[in-house]
Protein backbone atom coordinates (compact mmCIF):
# COMPACT_ATOMS: atom_id res chain seq x y z
CA UNK A 1 0.00 0.00 0.00
CA UNK A 2 1.35 3.45 -0.96
CA UNK A 3 1.39 6.61 1.11
CA UNK A 4 -1.93 8.12 2.06
CA UNK A 5 -2.85 11.59 0.85
CA UNK A 6 -5.56 14.14 1.63
CA UNK A 7 -7.84 12.67 -1.06
CA UNK A 8 -7.94 9.41 0.89
CA UNK A 9 -9.68 11.04 3.86
CA UNK A 10 -13.13 9.94 2.61
CA UNK A 11 -12.16 6.33 3.35
CA UNK A 12 -11.65 7.13 7.01
CA UNK A 13 -14.91 8.86 7.99
CA UNK A 14 -15.90 5.82 10.04
CA UNK A 15 -12.98 6.61 12.37
CA UNK A 16 -14.77 9.58 13.86
CA UNK A 17 -16.93 9.43 16.97
CA UNK A 18 -18.90 11.84 19.07
CA UNK A 19 -20.95 11.80 22.23
CA UNK A 20 -23.04 14.21 24.25
CA UNK A 21 -23.42 14.11 28.02
CA UNK A 22 -25.79 16.34 29.97
CA UNK A 23 -25.28 17.03 33.65
CA UNK A 24 -27.94 19.38 34.92
CA UNK A 25 -27.54 22.61 32.94
CA UNK A 26 -24.08 21.63 31.63
CA UNK A 27 -23.61 19.94 28.26
CA UNK A 28 -20.37 18.17 27.31
CA UNK A 29 -19.67 17.30 23.67
CA UNK A 30 -16.80 14.89 22.96
CA UNK A 31 -15.35 14.60 19.44
CA UNK A 32 -12.71 12.06 18.41
CA UNK A 33 -10.85 12.05 15.09
CA UNK A 34 -8.69 8.93 14.95
CA UNK A 35 -7.56 9.50 11.35
CA UNK A 36 -4.31 10.96 10.05
CA UNK A 37 -6.28 13.78 8.37
CA UNK A 38 -7.91 16.97 9.61
CA UNK A 39 -11.66 16.43 9.43
CA UNK A 40 -14.40 19.04 9.06
CA UNK A 41 -17.18 18.81 11.64
CA UNK A 42 -20.54 20.57 11.60
CA UNK A 43 -23.48 20.19 13.97
CA UNK A 44 -26.80 21.82 14.72
CA UNK A 45 -26.49 22.57 18.44
CA UNK A 46 -29.94 24.12 18.71
CA UNK A 47 -31.26 20.69 19.74
CA UNK A 48 -28.91 20.98 22.77
CA UNK A 49 -30.31 24.37 23.76
CA UNK A 50 -27.82 26.64 22.00
CA UNK A 51 -30.05 29.40 20.65
CA UNK A 52 -27.50 32.15 20.23
CA UNK A 53 -23.74 32.52 20.35
CA UNK A 54 -22.37 31.60 23.76
CA UNK A 55 -19.02 31.02 25.44
CA UNK A 56 -17.81 27.44 25.88
CA UNK A 57 -14.77 25.80 27.45
CA UNK A 58 -12.64 23.51 25.34
CA UNK A 59 -9.93 20.93 26.01
CA UNK A 60 -8.14 19.46 23.01
CA UNK A 61 -5.56 16.68 22.93
CA UNK A 62 -3.79 16.17 19.61
CA UNK A 63 -0.59 14.71 18.24
CA UNK A 64 0.74 11.69 16.44
CA UNK A 65 -1.11 8.43 17.18
CA UNK A 66 1.87 7.15 19.19
CA UNK A 67 2.75 10.46 20.91
CA UNK A 68 3.07 9.71 24.61
CA UNK A 69 4.09 13.28 25.47
CA UNK A 70 1.05 15.09 24.07
CA UNK A 71 -0.49 17.55 26.52
CA UNK A 72 -4.07 18.83 26.47
CA UNK A 73 -4.60 22.44 25.43
CA UNK A 74 -7.31 24.36 27.30
CA UNK A 75 -9.15 27.41 26.09
CA UNK A 76 -12.45 29.07 25.34
CA UNK A 77 -14.40 29.46 22.14
CA UNK A 78 -17.67 30.94 20.98
CA UNK A 79 -20.30 28.48 19.76
CA UNK A 80 -23.65 29.08 18.13
CA UNK A 81 -26.53 26.91 16.99
CA UNK A 82 -24.67 26.13 13.74
CA UNK A 83 -21.30 24.94 15.00
CA UNK A 84 -18.40 24.18 12.65
CA UNK A 85 -14.83 23.21 13.48
CA UNK A 86 -11.96 21.39 11.83
CA UNK A 87 -10.83 18.50 14.00
CA UNK A 88 -7.05 17.96 13.95
CA UNK A 89 -5.65 14.54 13.05
CA UNK A 90 -5.47 12.09 15.97
CA UNK A 91 -7.41 14.35 18.32
CA UNK A 92 -9.86 14.36 21.18
CA UNK A 93 -11.84 17.57 21.61
CA UNK A 94 -14.09 18.17 24.62
CA UNK A 95 -16.43 21.19 24.59
CA UNK A 96 -18.41 22.14 27.69
CA UNK A 97 -21.19 24.74 27.80
C-alpha atoms as a PDB file:
ATOM      1  CA  UNK A   1       0.000   0.000   0.000  1.00  0.00           C
ATOM      2  CA  UNK A   2       1.350   3.446  -0.963  1.00  0.00           C
ATOM      3  CA  UNK A   3       1.393   6.612   1.113  1.00  0.00           C
ATOM      4  CA  UNK A   4      -1.935   8.124   2.062  1.00  0.00           C
ATOM      5  CA  UNK A   5      -2.853  11.588   0.847  1.00  0.00           C
ATOM      6  CA  UNK A   6      -5.560  14.140   1.631  1.00  0.00           C
ATOM      7  CA  UNK A   7      -7.837  12.670  -1.060  1.00  0.00           C
ATOM      8  CA  UNK A   8      -7.935   9.411   0.887  1.00  0.00           C
ATOM      9  CA  UNK A   9      -9.679  11.040   3.857  1.00  0.00           C
ATOM     10  CA  UNK A  10     -13.135   9.938   2.611  1.00  0.00           C
ATOM     11  CA  UNK A  11     -12.158   6.331   3.349  1.00  0.00           C
ATOM     12  CA  UNK A  12     -11.655   7.134   7.005  1.00  0.00           C
ATOM     13  CA  UNK A  13     -14.909   8.862   7.990  1.00  0.00           C
ATOM     14  CA  UNK A  14     -15.900   5.816  10.042  1.00  0.00           C
ATOM     15  CA  UNK A  15     -12.978   6.614  12.373  1.00  0.00           C
ATOM     16  CA  UNK A  16     -14.773   9.581  13.860  1.00  0.00           C
ATOM     17  CA  UNK A  17     -16.929   9.427  16.965  1.00  0.00           C
ATOM     18  CA  UNK A  18     -18.905  11.843  19.070  1.00  0.00           C
ATOM     19  CA  UNK A  19     -20.947  11.797  22.233  1.00  0.00           C
ATOM     20  CA  UNK A  20     -23.043  14.211  24.249  1.00  0.00           C
ATOM     21  CA  UNK A  21     -23.418  14.115  28.018  1.00  0.00           C
ATOM     22  CA  UNK A  22     -25.793  16.344  29.967  1.00  0.00           C
ATOM     23  CA  UNK A  23     -25.283  17.032  33.654  1.00  0.00           C
ATOM     24  CA  UNK A  24     -27.942  19.385  34.925  1.00  0.00           C
ATOM     25  CA  UNK A  25     -27.538  22.609  32.937  1.00  0.00           C
ATOM     26  CA  UNK A  26     -24.081  21.632  31.629  1.00  0.00           C
ATOM     27  CA  UNK A  27     -23.608  19.936  28.256  1.00  0.00           C
ATOM     28  CA  UNK A  28     -20.372  18.168  27.313  1.00  0.00           C
ATOM     29  CA  UNK A  29     -19.665  17.303  23.665  1.00  0.00           C
ATOM     30  CA  UNK A  30     -16.795  14.887  22.956  1.00  0.00           C
ATOM     31  CA  UNK A  31     -15.345  14.601  19.441  1.00  0.00           C
ATOM     32  CA  UNK A  32     -12.710  12.055  18.411  1.00  0.00           C
ATOM     33  CA  UNK A  33     -10.854  12.050  15.095  1.00  0.00           C
ATOM     34  CA  UNK A  34      -8.689   8.933  14.950  1.00  0.00           C
ATOM     35  CA  UNK A  35      -7.559   9.505  11.351  1.00  0.00           C
ATOM     36  CA  UNK A  36      -4.306  10.962  10.049  1.00  0.00           C
ATOM     37  CA  UNK A  37      -6.277  13.780   8.371  1.00  0.00           C
ATOM     38  CA  UNK A  38      -7.911  16.965   9.608  1.00  0.00           C
ATOM     39  CA  UNK A  39     -11.659  16.427   9.432  1.00  0.00           C
ATOM     40  CA  UNK A  40     -14.399  19.042   9.058  1.00  0.00           C
ATOM     41  CA  UNK A  41     -17.176  18.811  11.636  1.00  0.00           C
ATOM     42  CA  UNK A  42     -20.538  20.568  11.599  1.00  0.00           C
ATOM     43  CA  UNK A  43     -23.482  20.188  13.967  1.00  0.00           C
ATOM     44  CA  UNK A  44     -26.797  21.820  14.722  1.00  0.00           C
ATOM     45  CA  UNK A  45     -26.485  22.572  18.441  1.00  0.00           C
ATOM     46  CA  UNK A  46     -29.941  24.124  18.709  1.00  0.00           C
ATOM     47  CA  UNK A  47     -31.257  20.690  19.743  1.00  0.00           C
ATOM     48  CA  UNK A  48     -28.905  20.985  22.766  1.00  0.00           C
ATOM     49  CA  UNK A  49     -30.305  24.365  23.765  1.00  0.00           C
ATOM     50  CA  UNK A  50     -27.824  26.638  22.002  1.00  0.00           C
ATOM     51  CA  UNK A  51     -30.053  29.401  20.649  1.00  0.00           C
ATOM     52  CA  UNK A  52     -27.497  32.149  20.227  1.00  0.00           C
ATOM     53  CA  UNK A  53     -23.741  32.519  20.348  1.00  0.00           C
ATOM     54  CA  UNK A  54     -22.371  31.600  23.764  1.00  0.00           C
ATOM     55  CA  UNK A  55     -19.022  31.018  25.436  1.00  0.00           C
ATOM     56  CA  UNK A  56     -17.807  27.439  25.883  1.00  0.00           C
ATOM     57  CA  UNK A  57     -14.766  25.795  27.451  1.00  0.00           C
ATOM     58  CA  UNK A  58     -12.639  23.510  25.338  1.00  0.00           C
ATOM     59  CA  UNK A  59      -9.933  20.933  26.010  1.00  0.00           C
ATOM     60  CA  UNK A  60      -8.138  19.457  23.014  1.00  0.00           C
ATOM     61  CA  UNK A  61      -5.564  16.682  22.931  1.00  0.00           C
ATOM     62  CA  UNK A  62      -3.791  16.172  19.608  1.00  0.00           C
ATOM     63  CA  UNK A  63      -0.591  14.711  18.240  1.00  0.00           C
ATOM     64  CA  UNK A  64       0.739  11.685  16.443  1.00  0.00           C
ATOM     65  CA  UNK A  65      -1.115   8.434  17.181  1.00  0.00           C
ATOM     66  CA  UNK A  66       1.867   7.152  19.189  1.00  0.00           C
ATOM     67  CA  UNK A  67       2.749  10.459  20.908  1.00  0.00           C
ATOM     68  CA  UNK A  68       3.070   9.705  24.610  1.00  0.00           C
ATOM     69  CA  UNK A  69       4.085  13.283  25.475  1.00  0.00           C
ATOM     70  CA  UNK A  70       1.048  15.093  24.074  1.00  0.00           C
ATOM     71  CA  UNK A  71      -0.490  17.547  26.525  1.00  0.00           C
ATOM     72  CA  UNK A  72      -4.072  18.835  26.465  1.00  0.00           C
ATOM     73  CA  UNK A  73      -4.604  22.441  25.431  1.00  0.00           C
ATOM     74  CA  UNK A  74      -7.307  24.361  27.303  1.00  0.00           C
ATOM     75  CA  UNK A  75      -9.150  27.406  26.089  1.00  0.00           C
ATOM     76  CA  UNK A  76     -12.446  29.070  25.344  1.00  0.00           C
ATOM     77  CA  UNK A  77     -14.398  29.456  22.136  1.00  0.00           C
ATOM     78  CA  UNK A  78     -17.675  30.935  20.979  1.00  0.00           C
ATOM     79  CA  UNK A  79     -20.299  28.483  19.762  1.00  0.00           C
ATOM     80  CA  UNK A  80     -23.652  29.080  18.130  1.00  0.00           C
ATOM     81  CA  UNK A  81     -26.531  26.914  16.992  1.00  0.00           C
ATOM     82  CA  UNK A  82     -24.672  26.131  13.736  1.00  0.00           C
ATOM     83  CA  UNK A  83     -21.299  24.935  15.001  1.00  0.00           C
ATOM     84  CA  UNK A  84     -18.396  24.180  12.654  1.00  0.00           C
ATOM     85  CA  UNK A  85     -14.831  23.206  13.475  1.00  0.00           C
ATOM     86  CA  UNK A  86     -11.957  21.395  11.829  1.00  0.00           C
ATOM     87  CA  UNK A  87     -10.833  18.502  13.997  1.00  0.00           C
ATOM     88  CA  UNK A  88      -7.050  17.960  13.948  1.00  0.00           C
ATOM     89  CA  UNK A  89      -5.645  14.542  13.051  1.00  0.00           C
ATOM     90  CA  UNK A  90      -5.466  12.087  15.966  1.00  0.00           C
ATOM     91  CA  UNK A  91      -7.408  14.351  18.316  1.00  0.00           C
ATOM     92  CA  UNK A  92      -9.863  14.356  21.183  1.00  0.00           C
ATOM     93  CA  UNK A  93     -11.845  17.572  21.606  1.00  0.00           C
ATOM     94  CA  UNK A  94     -14.091  18.165  24.620  1.00  0.00           C
ATOM     95  CA  UNK A  95     -16.426  21.193  24.585  1.00  0.00           C
ATOM     96  CA  UNK A  96     -18.414  22.141  27.689  1.00  0.00           C
ATOM     97  CA  UNK A  97     -21.187  24.738  27.801  1.00  0.00           C
END
